[in-house]
Structures are given as structure tokens and as C-alpha cells.
């Protein structure tokens, strides 16, 4: 029951994701960070099969770093999104990845941006987006409450509304969420919203 969503505000982009690692009827862990810091000013929030999600996001992260190492300049957010879409499209015809991505970034020239990339290599620049079962609730809430030029406080309030709606409406709702933000100061973790904590296993 994965939930990944994000939005663009006034000078920043924010993404949130559940932190549950689930297989079949089992919850393996509830502190899995599904939002990768791609570089200093980019975030990748991903949902999908665990192996595909981890392998593909790490592959994109390393290739973005390699481009910057070779050329001395980082990829723009749009370029990183198009590269990611190209790799998904290539894999689609060989060995497809089942991974859906929200790519958020901040560029000095163009400001914040958010890109929606799904597992069949559809790419769209959006102001707000969501993946997973939680999207049924998040998208309707964001349609109602989102407006351009939101402040960080307004955006966090909307994210919290989405999380509360998922927890109260989704039959098997993930308990914990991580929120990350990217702006002129860089990409960073903003907060966790936890209702369940993993307990430490006592030493034998």
C-alpha cells in the first residue's frame, strides 16, 4: 500500500513517502526511506517493487554523479528527468523496471520543479502529483487545497492533511512517512511523521 506524493511551492518543492517495506502480507520494516537525494538540489521519491526501486534509483543517482564528474557541471532537473525517462523507456523494451518516480529539484535559473515519471516512461512536469493507493486521497485533497505560491508552512499543513486522510481512509494504511524538501539551500530531510516505531531486538 505505497504512497508517494509531492508538490511545488513558492521557491521550493516538497515530497513525502511512506516508509513501509512490505511483501505479500508481511511488513518487513517501517523505516525504509523511499526518497533518495539525487544530488545537492534534487530528490527522487520512488514507489514500486522493492528491488527495482532501489536498483534503478541508485543507477540514476550514480549516472547523474558521473555526468557532473565528467563535465564539471550538474544536470538540470529537466535534464535529469529526461535522462531517467530515457532509461526507463530503454528498459521497457528489454527488462522493465516496475518503478514510479516523482523527481523534485531546484535550479537557479528556473526555480523549483516536479516531474512525474511512471513505469511505462511517461514524463510530465507537474505542480502536484502522487503514486500508489494513497494517490486516491492525496490528489483530491491537493485539488481542493493546493494553490500556486504556497509557503512552506502551508505545504506542510497540506502534506499532513494527506497523511491523516491516508491513515484514516486506507484499509491497510502505512503508519510512517518521511518528508523531504528542496529549495535554494539544497535537498534535505524535513520531518518524519511516525505512529509506529521499530523496536530494537534485545541481544541474545
N, C-alpha and C. Protein backbone atom coordinates (compact mmCIF):
# COMPACT_ATOMS: atom_id res chain seq x y z
N UNK A 1 0.85 -1.20 0.00
CA UNK A 1 0.00 0.00 0.00
C UNK A 1 0.88 1.25 0.00
N UNK A 2 1.66 1.41 -1.05
CA UNK A 2 2.63 2.51 -1.08
C UNK A 2 1.95 3.85 -1.37
N UNK A 3 2.54 4.89 -0.82
CA UNK A 3 2.02 6.25 -1.01
C UNK A 3 3.21 7.19 -1.20
N UNK A 4 3.26 7.83 -2.36
CA UNK A 4 4.30 8.82 -2.64
C UNK A 4 3.61 10.03 -3.25
N UNK A 5 3.88 11.22 -2.72
CA UNK A 5 3.25 12.42 -3.28
C UNK A 5 4.14 13.63 -3.07
N UNK A 6 3.88 14.68 -3.86
CA UNK A 6 4.70 15.88 -3.77
C UNK A 6 4.01 17.07 -4.40
N UNK A 7 4.58 18.25 -4.15
CA UNK A 7 4.03 19.48 -4.72
C UNK A 7 5.12 20.55 -4.79
N UNK A 8 4.83 21.56 -5.60
CA UNK A 8 5.74 22.69 -5.78
C UNK A 8 5.15 23.92 -5.10
N UNK A 9 5.96 24.59 -4.29
CA UNK A 9 5.52 25.81 -3.63
C UNK A 9 6.30 27.02 -4.11
N UNK A 10 6.28 28.07 -3.30
CA UNK A 10 6.96 29.32 -3.64
C UNK A 10 8.45 29.21 -3.30
N UNK A 11 9.25 28.80 -4.28
CA UNK A 11 10.68 28.69 -4.07
C UNK A 11 11.15 27.35 -3.54
N UNK A 12 10.30 26.35 -3.53
CA UNK A 12 10.68 25.03 -3.03
C UNK A 12 9.78 23.96 -3.64
N UNK A 13 10.24 22.72 -3.56
CA UNK A 13 9.41 21.56 -3.88
C UNK A 13 9.51 20.61 -2.69
N UNK A 14 8.41 19.94 -2.42
CA UNK A 14 8.36 19.05 -1.26
C UNK A 14 7.82 17.69 -1.69
N UNK A 15 8.40 16.63 -1.17
CA UNK A 15 7.92 15.28 -1.47
C UNK A 15 7.80 14.49 -0.18
N UNK A 16 6.84 13.58 -0.15
CA UNK A 16 6.61 12.73 1.02
C UNK A 16 6.38 11.31 0.54
N UNK A 17 6.78 10.34 1.37
CA UNK A 17 6.59 8.93 1.02
C UNK A 17 6.41 8.12 2.29
N UNK A 18 5.64 7.03 2.15
CA UNK A 18 5.54 6.12 3.28
C UNK A 18 6.88 5.41 3.46
N UNK A 19 7.08 4.80 4.62
CA UNK A 19 8.37 4.18 4.91
C UNK A 19 8.23 2.69 5.22
N UNK A 20 7.20 2.06 4.67
CA UNK A 20 6.96 0.64 4.93
C UNK A 20 7.59 -0.21 3.84
N UNK A 21 8.33 -1.23 4.25
CA UNK A 21 8.85 -2.24 3.33
C UNK A 21 7.97 -3.47 3.50
N UNK A 22 7.16 -3.76 2.48
CA UNK A 22 6.12 -4.78 2.59
C UNK A 22 6.29 -5.82 1.50
N UNK A 23 6.05 -7.09 1.85
CA UNK A 23 5.99 -8.15 0.85
C UNK A 23 4.84 -9.07 1.20
N UNK A 24 3.91 -9.21 0.27
CA UNK A 24 2.72 -10.03 0.49
C UNK A 24 1.98 -9.51 1.72
N UNK A 25 1.78 -10.35 2.73
CA UNK A 25 1.05 -9.92 3.93
C UNK A 25 1.99 -9.51 5.06
N UNK A 26 3.30 -9.43 4.76
CA UNK A 26 4.28 -9.15 5.81
C UNK A 26 4.83 -7.73 5.70
N UNK A 27 4.99 -7.09 6.84
CA UNK A 27 5.71 -5.82 6.93
C UNK A 27 7.11 -6.14 7.43
N UNK A 28 8.12 -5.91 6.59
CA UNK A 28 9.49 -6.23 6.97
C UNK A 28 10.12 -5.14 7.84
N UNK A 29 9.80 -3.90 7.51
CA UNK A 29 10.30 -2.77 8.31
C UNK A 29 9.42 -1.57 8.07
N UNK A 30 9.46 -0.63 8.99
CA UNK A 30 8.60 0.56 8.86
C UNK A 30 9.42 1.85 8.89
N UNK A 31 10.72 1.74 8.54
CA UNK A 31 11.56 2.94 8.47
C UNK A 31 12.40 2.96 7.20
N UNK A 32 11.83 2.44 6.11
CA UNK A 32 12.52 2.41 4.82
C UNK A 32 12.37 3.76 4.11
N UNK A 33 13.48 4.46 3.90
CA UNK A 33 13.46 5.77 3.25
C UNK A 33 13.37 5.59 1.74
N UNK A 34 12.23 5.98 1.16
CA UNK A 34 11.98 5.80 -0.28
C UNK A 34 12.26 7.08 -1.08
N UNK A 35 12.84 8.08 -0.41
CA UNK A 35 13.19 9.34 -1.10
C UNK A 35 14.71 9.47 -1.12
N UNK A 36 15.29 9.36 -2.30
CA UNK A 36 16.75 9.42 -2.43
C UNK A 36 17.19 10.84 -2.77
N UNK A 37 18.26 11.28 -2.15
CA UNK A 37 18.87 12.56 -2.53
C UNK A 37 19.74 12.28 -3.75
N UNK A 38 19.29 12.81 -4.90
CA UNK A 38 19.97 12.53 -6.17
C UNK A 38 21.28 13.29 -6.27
N UNK A 39 21.24 14.57 -5.96
CA UNK A 39 22.45 15.38 -5.80
C UNK A 39 22.10 16.53 -4.85
N UNK A 40 22.89 17.57 -4.83
CA UNK A 40 22.70 18.62 -3.83
C UNK A 40 21.35 19.31 -3.93
N UNK A 41 20.74 19.33 -5.14
CA UNK A 41 19.48 20.05 -5.32
C UNK A 41 18.40 19.22 -6.03
N UNK A 42 18.44 17.90 -5.85
CA UNK A 42 17.43 17.03 -6.47
C UNK A 42 17.04 15.90 -5.52
N UNK A 43 15.76 15.55 -5.58
CA UNK A 43 15.22 14.44 -4.81
C UNK A 43 14.47 13.49 -5.73
N UNK A 44 14.57 12.20 -5.47
CA UNK A 44 13.80 11.20 -6.21
C UNK A 44 12.98 10.39 -5.22
N UNK A 45 11.65 10.53 -5.30
CA UNK A 45 10.75 9.71 -4.50
C UNK A 45 10.21 8.61 -5.40
N UNK A 46 10.36 7.37 -4.97
CA UNK A 46 10.02 6.24 -5.83
C UNK A 46 9.10 5.25 -5.13
N UNK A 47 8.22 4.64 -5.92
CA UNK A 47 7.39 3.54 -5.42
C UNK A 47 7.44 2.41 -6.44
N UNK A 48 7.13 1.21 -5.99
CA UNK A 48 7.16 0.06 -6.89
C UNK A 48 7.83 -1.12 -6.22
N UNK A 49 8.16 -2.13 -7.02
CA UNK A 49 8.83 -3.31 -6.48
C UNK A 49 10.13 -2.91 -5.79
N UNK A 50 10.36 -3.46 -4.60
CA UNK A 50 11.49 -3.03 -3.78
C UNK A 50 12.83 -3.13 -4.50
N UNK A 51 13.09 -4.27 -5.14
CA UNK A 51 14.36 -4.45 -5.84
C UNK A 51 14.53 -3.47 -6.97
N UNK A 52 13.49 -3.30 -7.78
CA UNK A 52 13.53 -2.35 -8.89
C UNK A 52 13.73 -0.93 -8.39
N UNK A 53 13.02 -0.59 -7.33
CA UNK A 53 13.09 0.78 -6.79
C UNK A 53 14.51 1.11 -6.34
N UNK A 54 15.10 0.24 -5.57
CA UNK A 54 16.44 0.51 -5.03
C UNK A 54 17.48 0.50 -6.15
N UNK A 55 17.42 -0.54 -7.00
CA UNK A 55 18.44 -0.67 -8.05
C UNK A 55 18.36 0.49 -9.05
N UNK A 56 17.15 0.84 -9.47
CA UNK A 56 17.02 1.87 -10.50
C UNK A 56 17.36 3.25 -9.96
N UNK A 57 16.92 3.58 -8.75
CA UNK A 57 17.22 4.91 -8.21
C UNK A 57 18.72 5.07 -7.96
N UNK A 58 19.38 4.00 -7.50
CA UNK A 58 20.84 4.06 -7.31
C UNK A 58 21.55 4.21 -8.66
N UNK A 59 21.05 3.53 -9.68
CA UNK A 59 21.62 3.63 -11.03
C UNK A 59 21.52 5.06 -11.55
N UNK A 60 20.37 5.69 -11.37
CA UNK A 60 20.19 7.08 -11.81
C UNK A 60 21.10 8.01 -11.00
N UNK A 61 21.16 7.80 -9.69
CA UNK A 61 22.00 8.64 -8.82
C UNK A 61 23.46 8.59 -9.27
N UNK A 62 23.97 7.40 -9.54
CA UNK A 62 25.38 7.26 -9.91
C UNK A 62 25.66 7.86 -11.29
N UNK A 63 24.71 7.74 -12.22
CA UNK A 63 24.91 8.30 -13.55
C UNK A 63 24.84 9.83 -13.54
N UNK A 64 23.99 10.39 -12.70
CA UNK A 64 23.93 11.85 -12.56
C UNK A 64 25.25 12.35 -11.96
N UNK A 65 25.78 11.63 -10.97
CA UNK A 65 27.07 11.99 -10.38
C UNK A 65 28.20 11.85 -11.40
N UNK A 66 28.14 10.80 -12.23
CA UNK A 66 29.16 10.58 -13.26
C UNK A 66 29.16 11.72 -14.28
N UNK A 67 27.96 12.18 -14.68
CA UNK A 67 27.86 13.29 -15.63
C UNK A 67 28.53 14.54 -15.05
N UNK A 68 28.25 14.83 -13.79
CA UNK A 68 28.84 16.01 -13.16
C UNK A 68 30.35 15.86 -13.03
N UNK A 69 30.82 14.66 -12.73
CA UNK A 69 32.26 14.40 -12.61
C UNK A 69 32.97 14.59 -13.95
N UNK A 70 32.34 14.11 -15.03
CA UNK A 70 32.96 14.20 -16.36
C UNK A 70 32.94 15.60 -16.93
N UNK A 71 31.83 16.31 -16.69
CA UNK A 71 31.63 17.59 -17.36
C UNK A 71 31.82 18.81 -16.48
N UNK A 72 31.89 18.62 -15.19
CA UNK A 72 32.14 19.74 -14.28
C UNK A 72 30.93 20.58 -13.97
N UNK A 73 29.76 20.22 -14.53
CA UNK A 73 28.51 20.94 -14.23
C UNK A 73 27.42 19.91 -13.96
N UNK A 74 26.50 20.21 -13.05
CA UNK A 74 25.43 19.26 -12.75
C UNK A 74 24.34 19.30 -13.82
N UNK A 75 23.61 18.21 -13.96
CA UNK A 75 22.42 18.20 -14.80
C UNK A 75 21.35 19.09 -14.20
N UNK A 76 20.59 19.76 -15.06
CA UNK A 76 19.41 20.47 -14.55
C UNK A 76 18.35 19.44 -14.16
N UNK A 77 17.34 19.89 -13.45
CA UNK A 77 16.26 18.98 -13.05
C UNK A 77 15.56 18.41 -14.27
N UNK A 78 15.31 19.26 -15.28
CA UNK A 78 14.66 18.80 -16.51
C UNK A 78 15.52 17.76 -17.22
N UNK A 79 16.82 17.99 -17.27
CA UNK A 79 17.72 17.04 -17.93
C UNK A 79 17.77 15.71 -17.18
N UNK A 80 17.80 15.76 -15.86
CA UNK A 80 17.80 14.54 -15.06
C UNK A 80 16.50 13.77 -15.25
N UNK A 81 15.38 14.49 -15.35
CA UNK A 81 14.09 13.84 -15.56
C UNK A 81 14.04 13.17 -16.93
N UNK A 82 14.55 13.86 -17.94
CA UNK A 82 14.56 13.28 -19.28
C UNK A 82 15.51 12.09 -19.39
N UNK A 83 16.65 12.15 -18.69
CA UNK A 83 17.56 11.01 -18.66
C UNK A 83 16.89 9.81 -17.99
N UNK A 84 16.21 10.06 -16.87
CA UNK A 84 15.51 8.99 -16.15
C UNK A 84 14.44 8.38 -17.03
N UNK A 85 13.69 9.22 -17.71
CA UNK A 85 12.64 8.74 -18.60
C UNK A 85 13.22 7.90 -19.74
N UNK A 86 14.36 8.34 -20.28
CA UNK A 86 15.02 7.61 -21.36
C UNK A 86 15.48 6.23 -20.92
N UNK A 87 16.03 6.13 -19.70
CA UNK A 87 16.48 4.84 -19.19
C UNK A 87 15.31 3.90 -18.93
N UNK A 88 14.19 4.44 -18.45
CA UNK A 88 13.00 3.62 -18.25
C UNK A 88 12.45 3.13 -19.59
N UNK A 89 12.45 4.01 -20.60
CA UNK A 89 11.95 3.65 -21.91
C UNK A 89 12.80 2.57 -22.56
N UNK A 90 14.12 2.66 -22.39
CA UNK A 90 15.02 1.64 -22.92
C UNK A 90 14.78 0.29 -22.22
N UNK A 91 14.66 0.34 -20.89
CA UNK A 91 14.45 -0.89 -20.12
C UNK A 91 13.09 -1.52 -20.43
N UNK A 92 12.11 -0.68 -20.77
CA UNK A 92 10.76 -1.16 -21.04
C UNK A 92 10.74 -2.19 -22.16
N UNK A 93 11.68 -2.06 -23.11
CA UNK A 93 11.73 -2.95 -24.26
C UNK A 93 12.69 -4.12 -24.06
N UNK A 94 13.29 -4.19 -22.86
CA UNK A 94 14.25 -5.27 -22.58
C UNK A 94 13.87 -6.00 -21.30
N UNK A 95 14.13 -5.35 -20.18
CA UNK A 95 13.85 -5.92 -18.87
C UNK A 95 13.25 -4.82 -18.00
N UNK A 96 11.93 -4.61 -18.07
CA UNK A 96 11.34 -3.41 -17.48
C UNK A 96 11.45 -3.34 -15.96
N UNK A 97 11.60 -2.09 -15.49
CA UNK A 97 11.56 -1.80 -14.06
C UNK A 97 10.13 -1.43 -13.69
N UNK A 98 9.61 -2.01 -12.62
CA UNK A 98 8.30 -1.57 -12.13
C UNK A 98 8.53 -0.53 -11.05
N UNK A 99 8.77 0.70 -11.48
CA UNK A 99 9.05 1.78 -10.54
C UNK A 99 8.42 3.08 -11.05
N UNK A 100 7.75 3.79 -10.14
CA UNK A 100 7.14 5.09 -10.43
C UNK A 100 7.90 6.15 -9.65
N UNK A 101 8.14 7.29 -10.30
CA UNK A 101 9.05 8.28 -9.72
C UNK A 101 8.45 9.68 -9.73
N UNK A 102 8.65 10.38 -8.62
CA UNK A 102 8.47 11.84 -8.56
C UNK A 102 9.85 12.45 -8.37
N UNK A 103 10.29 13.24 -9.32
CA UNK A 103 11.61 13.85 -9.25
C UNK A 103 11.45 15.34 -8.99
N UNK A 104 11.95 15.79 -7.85
CA UNK A 104 11.85 17.20 -7.46
C UNK A 104 13.24 17.83 -7.48
N UNK A 105 13.32 19.07 -7.91
CA UNK A 105 14.61 19.74 -7.93
C UNK A 105 14.49 21.24 -7.90
N UNK A 106 15.63 21.88 -7.72
CA UNK A 106 15.68 23.35 -7.73
C UNK A 106 16.86 23.79 -8.59
N UNK A 107 16.58 24.67 -9.55
CA UNK A 107 17.61 25.24 -10.43
C UNK A 107 17.64 26.75 -10.24
N UNK A 108 18.84 27.33 -10.28
CA UNK A 108 18.97 28.77 -10.08
C UNK A 108 18.17 29.55 -11.12
N UNK A 109 18.18 29.09 -12.37
CA UNK A 109 17.52 29.84 -13.45
C UNK A 109 16.00 29.68 -13.43
N UNK A 110 15.53 28.47 -13.15
CA UNK A 110 14.09 28.20 -13.31
C UNK A 110 13.35 27.98 -12.00
N UNK A 111 14.08 27.86 -10.90
CA UNK A 111 13.42 27.65 -9.61
C UNK A 111 13.04 26.20 -9.39
N UNK A 112 12.05 25.96 -8.53
CA UNK A 112 11.67 24.58 -8.19
C UNK A 112 10.83 23.94 -9.29
N UNK A 113 10.92 22.61 -9.39
CA UNK A 113 10.10 21.88 -10.36
C UNK A 113 9.87 20.46 -9.86
N UNK A 114 8.81 19.85 -10.39
CA UNK A 114 8.45 18.48 -10.02
C UNK A 114 8.07 17.72 -11.28
N UNK A 115 8.65 16.54 -11.45
CA UNK A 115 8.39 15.72 -12.64
C UNK A 115 7.80 14.37 -12.24
N UNK A 116 6.76 14.00 -12.98
CA UNK A 116 6.04 12.74 -12.78
C UNK A 116 6.52 11.76 -13.85
N UNK A 117 7.10 10.63 -13.42
CA UNK A 117 7.60 9.62 -14.36
C UNK A 117 7.05 8.27 -13.90
N UNK A 118 6.26 7.60 -14.75
CA UNK A 118 5.72 6.31 -14.33
C UNK A 118 6.48 5.15 -14.96
N UNK A 119 6.08 3.93 -14.65
CA UNK A 119 6.86 2.75 -15.02
C UNK A 119 6.86 2.47 -16.53
N UNK A 120 5.92 3.08 -17.27
CA UNK A 120 5.96 2.93 -18.73
C UNK A 120 6.57 4.17 -19.41
N UNK A 121 7.37 4.90 -18.64
CA UNK A 121 8.20 6.01 -19.15
C UNK A 121 7.38 7.20 -19.64
N UNK A 122 6.28 7.47 -18.95
CA UNK A 122 5.54 8.71 -19.19
C UNK A 122 6.18 9.83 -18.36
N UNK A 123 6.44 10.95 -18.98
CA UNK A 123 7.08 12.07 -18.28
C UNK A 123 6.21 13.32 -18.39
N UNK A 124 5.92 13.92 -17.25
CA UNK A 124 5.17 15.18 -17.22
C UNK A 124 5.75 16.09 -16.16
N UNK A 125 5.83 17.36 -16.48
CA UNK A 125 6.14 18.35 -15.45
C UNK A 125 4.83 18.75 -14.80
N UNK A 126 4.77 18.65 -13.47
CA UNK A 126 3.52 18.90 -12.74
C UNK A 126 3.76 19.84 -11.57
N UNK A 127 2.67 20.41 -11.06
CA UNK A 127 2.73 21.21 -9.83
C UNK A 127 2.48 20.34 -8.60
N UNK A 128 1.76 19.25 -8.81
CA UNK A 128 1.47 18.30 -7.72
C UNK A 128 1.25 16.93 -8.33
N UNK A 129 1.64 15.90 -7.59
CA UNK A 129 1.49 14.56 -8.13
C UNK A 129 1.53 13.52 -7.03
N UNK A 130 1.07 12.31 -7.35
CA UNK A 130 1.06 11.23 -6.37
C UNK A 130 1.05 9.88 -7.06
N UNK A 131 1.58 8.87 -6.38
CA UNK A 131 1.56 7.49 -6.83
C UNK A 131 1.06 6.60 -5.70
N UNK A 132 0.56 5.43 -6.06
CA UNK A 132 0.16 4.44 -5.06
C UNK A 132 -1.30 4.59 -4.66
N UNK A 133 -1.73 3.70 -3.76
CA UNK A 133 -3.12 3.73 -3.31
C UNK A 133 -3.44 5.04 -2.61
N UNK A 134 -2.46 5.64 -1.96
CA UNK A 134 -2.69 6.92 -1.29
C UNK A 134 -3.03 8.05 -2.25
N UNK A 135 -2.70 7.87 -3.53
CA UNK A 135 -2.98 8.94 -4.51
C UNK A 135 -4.47 9.22 -4.65
N UNK A 136 -5.32 8.20 -4.38
CA UNK A 136 -6.77 8.42 -4.48
C UNK A 136 -7.23 9.51 -3.52
N UNK A 137 -6.55 9.62 -2.39
CA UNK A 137 -6.93 10.62 -1.39
C UNK A 137 -6.10 11.89 -1.55
N UNK A 138 -4.80 11.73 -1.83
CA UNK A 138 -3.90 12.88 -1.92
C UNK A 138 -4.30 13.80 -3.08
N UNK A 139 -4.58 13.22 -4.24
CA UNK A 139 -4.87 14.05 -5.41
C UNK A 139 -6.14 14.87 -5.22
N UNK A 140 -7.16 14.28 -4.60
CA UNK A 140 -8.40 15.04 -4.37
C UNK A 140 -8.17 16.15 -3.35
N UNK A 141 -7.38 15.86 -2.30
CA UNK A 141 -7.08 16.89 -1.31
C UNK A 141 -6.26 18.01 -1.91
N UNK A 142 -5.27 17.65 -2.74
CA UNK A 142 -4.45 18.68 -3.36
C UNK A 142 -5.23 19.49 -4.39
N UNK A 143 -6.16 18.85 -5.09
CA UNK A 143 -7.03 19.60 -6.00
C UNK A 143 -7.83 20.65 -5.23
N UNK A 144 -8.24 20.30 -4.03
CA UNK A 144 -9.07 21.21 -3.23
C UNK A 144 -8.25 22.32 -2.56
N UNK A 145 -7.07 21.98 -2.04
CA UNK A 145 -6.34 22.92 -1.18
C UNK A 145 -5.08 23.51 -1.81
N UNK A 146 -4.57 22.91 -2.88
CA UNK A 146 -3.32 23.41 -3.46
C UNK A 146 -3.55 24.72 -4.21
N UNK A 147 -2.60 25.63 -4.08
CA UNK A 147 -2.58 26.83 -4.92
C UNK A 147 -1.13 27.21 -5.18
N UNK A 148 -0.88 27.86 -6.29
CA UNK A 148 0.49 28.24 -6.62
C UNK A 148 0.98 29.29 -5.62
N UNK A 149 2.26 29.24 -5.33
CA UNK A 149 2.83 30.20 -4.40
C UNK A 149 2.63 29.85 -2.94
N UNK A 150 2.40 28.57 -2.63
CA UNK A 150 2.23 28.16 -1.24
C UNK A 150 3.52 28.38 -0.45
N UNK A 151 3.37 28.75 0.82
CA UNK A 151 4.53 28.84 1.71
C UNK A 151 4.87 27.44 2.22
N UNK A 152 6.04 27.32 2.85
CA UNK A 152 6.44 26.03 3.41
C UNK A 152 5.43 25.56 4.46
N UNK A 153 4.98 26.46 5.31
CA UNK A 153 4.02 26.09 6.36
C UNK A 153 2.71 25.60 5.76
N UNK A 154 2.23 26.27 4.71
CA UNK A 154 1.00 25.85 4.04
C UNK A 154 1.18 24.48 3.38
N UNK A 155 2.34 24.27 2.76
CA UNK A 155 2.60 22.99 2.10
C UNK A 155 2.68 21.85 3.12
N UNK A 156 3.35 22.09 4.24
CA UNK A 156 3.45 21.06 5.28
C UNK A 156 2.07 20.75 5.86
N UNK A 157 1.25 21.78 6.03
CA UNK A 157 -0.12 21.56 6.51
C UNK A 157 -0.90 20.68 5.54
N UNK A 158 -0.74 20.92 4.24
CA UNK A 158 -1.42 20.10 3.23
C UNK A 158 -0.88 18.68 3.22
N UNK A 159 0.43 18.52 3.34
CA UNK A 159 1.04 17.18 3.41
C UNK A 159 0.49 16.43 4.62
N UNK A 160 0.38 17.10 5.75
CA UNK A 160 -0.15 16.46 6.96
C UNK A 160 -1.62 16.06 6.78
N UNK A 161 -2.38 16.88 6.06
CA UNK A 161 -3.78 16.52 5.77
C UNK A 161 -3.83 15.25 4.93
N UNK A 162 -2.94 15.17 3.94
CA UNK A 162 -2.89 13.98 3.09
C UNK A 162 -2.54 12.73 3.92
N UNK A 163 -1.56 12.88 4.80
CA UNK A 163 -1.14 11.74 5.63
C UNK A 163 -2.28 11.30 6.55
N UNK A 164 -2.96 12.24 7.16
CA UNK A 164 -4.06 11.90 8.06
C UNK A 164 -5.20 11.24 7.29
N UNK A 165 -5.46 11.70 6.09
CA UNK A 165 -6.53 11.10 5.28
C UNK A 165 -6.18 9.67 4.88
N UNK A 166 -4.92 9.45 4.51
CA UNK A 166 -4.48 8.09 4.18
C UNK A 166 -4.61 7.17 5.38
N UNK A 167 -4.17 7.64 6.53
CA UNK A 167 -4.23 6.82 7.74
C UNK A 167 -5.66 6.49 8.14
N UNK A 168 -6.59 7.41 7.90
CA UNK A 168 -7.96 7.18 8.35
C UNK A 168 -8.83 6.48 7.32
N UNK A 169 -8.46 6.55 6.02
CA UNK A 169 -9.32 6.00 4.97
C UNK A 169 -8.81 4.73 4.32
N UNK A 170 -7.50 4.56 4.23
CA UNK A 170 -6.95 3.41 3.52
C UNK A 170 -7.00 2.18 4.42
N UNK A 171 -7.51 1.07 3.89
CA UNK A 171 -7.78 -0.10 4.72
C UNK A 171 -6.50 -0.68 5.32
N UNK A 172 -5.41 -0.69 4.57
CA UNK A 172 -4.12 -1.12 5.11
C UNK A 172 -3.16 0.05 4.96
N UNK A 173 -3.27 1.01 5.86
CA UNK A 173 -2.53 2.27 5.72
C UNK A 173 -1.13 2.15 6.29
N UNK A 174 -0.13 2.70 5.60
CA UNK A 174 1.23 2.74 6.17
C UNK A 174 1.26 3.70 7.35
N UNK A 175 1.94 3.32 8.43
CA UNK A 175 1.90 4.16 9.64
C UNK A 175 2.85 5.35 9.61
N UNK A 176 3.99 5.21 8.92
CA UNK A 176 5.03 6.23 9.00
C UNK A 176 5.32 6.86 7.63
N UNK A 177 5.68 8.14 7.67
CA UNK A 177 6.00 8.88 6.44
C UNK A 177 7.25 9.72 6.67
N UNK A 178 8.01 9.93 5.60
CA UNK A 178 9.14 10.85 5.64
C UNK A 178 8.86 11.98 4.67
N UNK A 179 9.24 13.19 5.05
CA UNK A 179 9.02 14.39 4.23
C UNK A 179 10.37 15.03 3.95
N UNK A 180 10.62 15.32 2.67
CA UNK A 180 11.87 15.99 2.30
C UNK A 180 11.55 17.21 1.43
N UNK A 181 12.46 18.17 1.46
CA UNK A 181 12.25 19.44 0.76
C UNK A 181 13.51 19.81 -0.01
N UNK A 182 13.32 20.49 -1.14
CA UNK A 182 14.46 21.02 -1.89
C UNK A 182 14.16 22.47 -2.25
N UNK A 183 15.13 23.34 -2.00
CA UNK A 183 15.00 24.75 -2.31
C UNK A 183 16.38 25.30 -2.64
N UNK A 184 16.54 26.62 -2.60
CA UNK A 184 17.84 27.22 -2.96
C UNK A 184 18.97 26.77 -2.04
N UNK A 185 18.62 26.32 -0.84
CA UNK A 185 19.63 25.87 0.12
C UNK A 185 19.98 24.39 -0.03
N UNK A 186 19.31 23.70 -0.95
CA UNK A 186 19.64 22.30 -1.19
C UNK A 186 18.52 21.34 -0.83
N UNK A 187 18.80 20.05 -1.05
CA UNK A 187 17.84 18.99 -0.74
C UNK A 187 18.14 18.42 0.64
N UNK A 188 17.10 18.23 1.44
CA UNK A 188 17.31 17.77 2.80
C UNK A 188 16.03 17.15 3.37
N UNK A 189 16.24 16.38 4.42
CA UNK A 189 15.10 15.81 5.14
C UNK A 189 14.43 16.91 5.96
N UNK A 190 13.11 16.95 5.92
CA UNK A 190 12.38 17.97 6.68
C UNK A 190 11.82 17.40 7.98
N UNK A 191 11.12 16.26 7.88
CA UNK A 191 10.49 15.70 9.09
C UNK A 191 10.06 14.26 8.83
N UNK A 192 9.81 13.55 9.93
CA UNK A 192 9.17 12.24 9.89
C UNK A 192 7.82 12.37 10.57
N UNK A 193 6.85 11.62 10.07
CA UNK A 193 5.55 11.52 10.74
C UNK A 193 5.36 10.05 11.11
N UNK A 194 5.62 9.74 12.37
CA UNK A 194 5.64 8.34 12.81
C UNK A 194 4.51 8.04 13.78
N UNK A 195 3.81 6.93 13.55
CA UNK A 195 2.85 6.43 14.53
C UNK A 195 3.28 5.06 15.06
N UNK A 196 4.26 4.44 14.37
CA UNK A 196 4.82 3.16 14.82
C UNK A 196 6.33 3.26 14.73
N UNK A 197 7.03 2.82 15.77
CA UNK A 197 8.49 2.79 15.75
C UNK A 197 8.96 1.34 15.80
N UNK A 198 10.01 1.04 15.02
CA UNK A 198 10.60 -0.29 15.09
C UNK A 198 11.28 -0.48 16.43
N UNK A 199 10.97 -1.59 17.09
CA UNK A 199 11.57 -1.85 18.40
C UNK A 199 12.89 -2.60 18.22
N UNK A 200 13.86 -2.25 19.04
CA UNK A 200 15.15 -2.91 18.97
C UNK A 200 15.04 -4.34 19.47
N UNK A 201 15.75 -5.25 18.82
CA UNK A 201 15.76 -6.65 19.24
C UNK A 201 16.80 -6.81 20.33
N UNK A 202 16.43 -7.33 21.49
CA UNK A 202 17.41 -7.48 22.58
C UNK A 202 18.48 -8.51 22.21
N UNK A 203 19.69 -8.27 22.69
CA UNK A 203 20.79 -9.20 22.43
C UNK A 203 20.54 -10.53 23.11
N UNK A 204 20.91 -11.60 22.42
CA UNK A 204 20.69 -12.94 22.98
C UNK A 204 21.62 -13.20 24.15
